[in-house]
Amino acid sequence: MIGSLMMCVSVLVLLFGMLAGIAMGIQHDFTLGPAHAHLNLVGGVLLFLFGLYYRLVPEAGSMLLARIQGWLHIVGGVLFPAGVAAVLLKGPSFEAAPIIGSLLVVAAMALFTVVVFRTSRA
């Protein structure tokens, strides 16, 4: 089920993000702060919330649209902050990565909106 996968990927991303934050603190170098924040929030927290919804509303999690949404967000949620890090460290020649990643995340959010409206009990 996509919800379980999203929650598992989320906790791994959050663990990596926390360890990266600790490493930045130890080194007193916060250059990658924006990438760290986006990794934790977009790749970790938001992914966990999506997965939680799919676990709480099983009919939503069983939809093909949910699986597409989940994979789009997993890929975009990692590519976006990795791209931000690449731009911060290597310069603007890497701008395509965060642009593509952010567009994937927005597309995933749009799909999630459709899933929620189709499965909402309100």
Protein backbone atom coordinates (compact mmCIF):
# COMPACT_ATOMS: atom_id res chain seq x y z
CA MET A 1 0.00 0.00 0.00
CA ILE A 2 1.33 3.42 -0.95
CA GLY A 3 0.55 4.92 2.47
CA SER A 4 2.90 2.54 4.27
CA LEU A 5 5.64 3.10 1.70
CA MET A 6 5.30 6.87 2.04
CA MET A 7 5.53 6.68 5.83
CA CYS A 8 8.61 4.44 5.69
CA VAL A 9 10.39 6.68 3.16
CA SER A 10 9.39 9.69 5.26
CA VAL A 11 11.04 8.49 8.45
CA LEU A 12 14.23 7.63 6.54
CA VAL A 13 14.27 11.09 4.95
CA LEU A 14 13.65 12.72 8.35
CA LEU A 15 16.44 10.72 9.97
CA PHE A 16 18.84 11.74 7.20
CA GLY A 17 17.66 15.36 7.46
CA MET A 18 18.17 15.44 11.22
CA LEU A 19 21.64 13.95 10.92
CA ALA A 20 22.48 16.52 8.23
CA GLY A 21 21.27 19.28 10.57
CA ILE A 22 23.46 17.96 13.37
CA ALA A 23 26.45 17.81 11.00
CA MET A 24 25.83 21.43 9.96
CA GLY A 25 25.67 22.45 13.61
CA ILE A 26 28.89 20.64 14.50
CA GLN A 27 30.68 22.31 11.58
CA HIS A 28 29.07 25.72 12.22
CA ASP A 29 28.32 25.84 8.49
CA PHE A 30 24.68 26.42 7.64
CA THR A 31 25.13 26.92 3.91
CA LEU A 32 22.80 24.00 3.24
CA GLY A 33 20.13 25.28 5.65
CA PRO A 34 17.51 25.83 2.91
CA ALA A 35 18.08 22.32 1.50
CA HIS A 36 17.88 20.85 5.02
CA ALA A 37 14.59 22.64 5.73
CA HIS A 38 13.02 21.58 2.43
CA LEU A 39 14.18 17.99 2.87
CA ASN A 40 12.64 17.76 6.32
CA LEU A 41 9.39 19.55 5.52
CA VAL A 42 8.66 18.49 1.94
CA GLY A 43 10.44 15.14 1.87
CA GLY A 44 9.71 14.14 5.44
CA VAL A 45 6.74 15.78 7.13
CA LEU A 46 4.52 16.28 4.10
CA LEU A 47 5.24 12.78 2.82
CA PHE A 48 4.32 11.36 6.23
CA LEU A 49 1.04 13.28 6.29
CA PHE A 50 0.11 11.97 2.84
CA GLY A 51 0.92 8.43 3.95
CA LEU A 52 -1.11 8.87 7.10
CA TYR A 53 -4.14 9.99 5.09
CA TYR A 54 -3.82 6.95 2.84
CA ARG A 55 -3.63 4.69 5.89
CA LEU A 56 -6.64 6.35 7.54
CA VAL A 57 -8.71 6.33 4.33
CA PRO A 58 -7.89 2.96 2.74
CA GLU A 59 -10.07 3.54 -0.33
CA ALA A 60 -7.93 6.61 -1.10
CA GLY A 61 -4.70 4.64 -0.73
CA SER A 62 -5.90 1.91 -3.08
CA MET A 63 -6.49 4.32 -5.98
CA LEU A 64 -4.08 4.32 -8.93
CA LEU A 65 -4.01 8.11 -8.60
CA ALA A 66 -2.67 7.71 -5.04
CA ARG A 67 0.19 5.51 -6.22
CA ILE A 68 1.09 8.00 -8.95
CA GLN A 69 0.86 10.85 -6.43
CA GLY A 70 3.01 8.99 -3.93
CA TRP A 71 5.82 8.22 -6.37
CA LEU A 72 5.75 11.74 -7.79
CA HIS A 73 6.11 13.17 -4.30
CA ILE A 74 8.84 10.73 -3.26
CA VAL A 75 10.93 11.60 -6.32
CA GLY A 76 10.17 15.33 -6.17
CA GLY A 77 10.56 15.50 -2.39
CA VAL A 78 14.12 14.21 -2.69
CA LEU A 79 15.09 15.89 -5.99
CA PHE A 80 13.92 19.35 -4.90
CA PRO A 81 16.12 19.70 -1.77
CA ALA A 82 19.00 17.82 -3.41
CA GLY A 83 18.79 20.33 -6.24
CA VAL A 84 18.71 23.24 -3.81
CA ALA A 85 21.87 21.81 -2.21
CA ALA A 86 23.54 21.45 -5.61
CA VAL A 87 22.74 25.07 -6.50
CA LEU A 88 24.04 26.28 -3.14
CA LEU A 89 27.27 24.30 -3.44
CA LYS A 90 27.93 24.29 -7.20
CA GLY A 91 26.08 27.30 -8.56
CA PRO A 92 23.23 28.13 -10.90
CA SER A 93 24.21 25.58 -13.54
CA PHE A 94 22.26 23.05 -11.41
CA GLU A 95 19.03 25.07 -11.28
CA ALA A 96 17.12 22.51 -13.38
CA ALA A 97 17.11 19.99 -10.50
CA PRO A 98 15.21 22.07 -7.92
CA ILE A 99 12.91 23.41 -10.63
CA ILE A 100 11.97 19.91 -11.80
CA GLY A 101 11.74 18.67 -8.20
CA SER A 102 9.47 21.52 -7.14
CA LEU A 103 7.21 20.98 -10.16
CA LEU A 104 6.93 17.28 -9.30
CA VAL A 105 5.99 18.19 -5.72
CA VAL A 106 3.34 20.66 -6.91
CA ALA A 107 1.95 18.07 -9.34
CA ALA A 108 1.84 15.54 -6.50
CA MET A 109 0.00 18.05 -4.31
CA ALA A 110 -2.53 18.67 -7.09
CA LEU A 111 -3.11 14.92 -7.43
CA PHE A 112 -3.47 14.60 -3.66
CA THR A 113 -6.08 17.35 -3.74
CA VAL A 114 -8.06 15.34 -6.30
CA VAL A 115 -7.73 12.17 -4.20
CA VAL A 116 -8.94 13.95 -1.06
CA PHE A 117 -11.93 15.50 -2.80
CA ARG A 118 -12.87 12.14 -4.33
CA THR A 119 -12.63 10.29 -1.02
CA SER A 120 -13.64 12.91 1.53
CA ARG A 121 -16.51 11.95 3.82
CA ALA A 122 -17.42 15.57 4.52
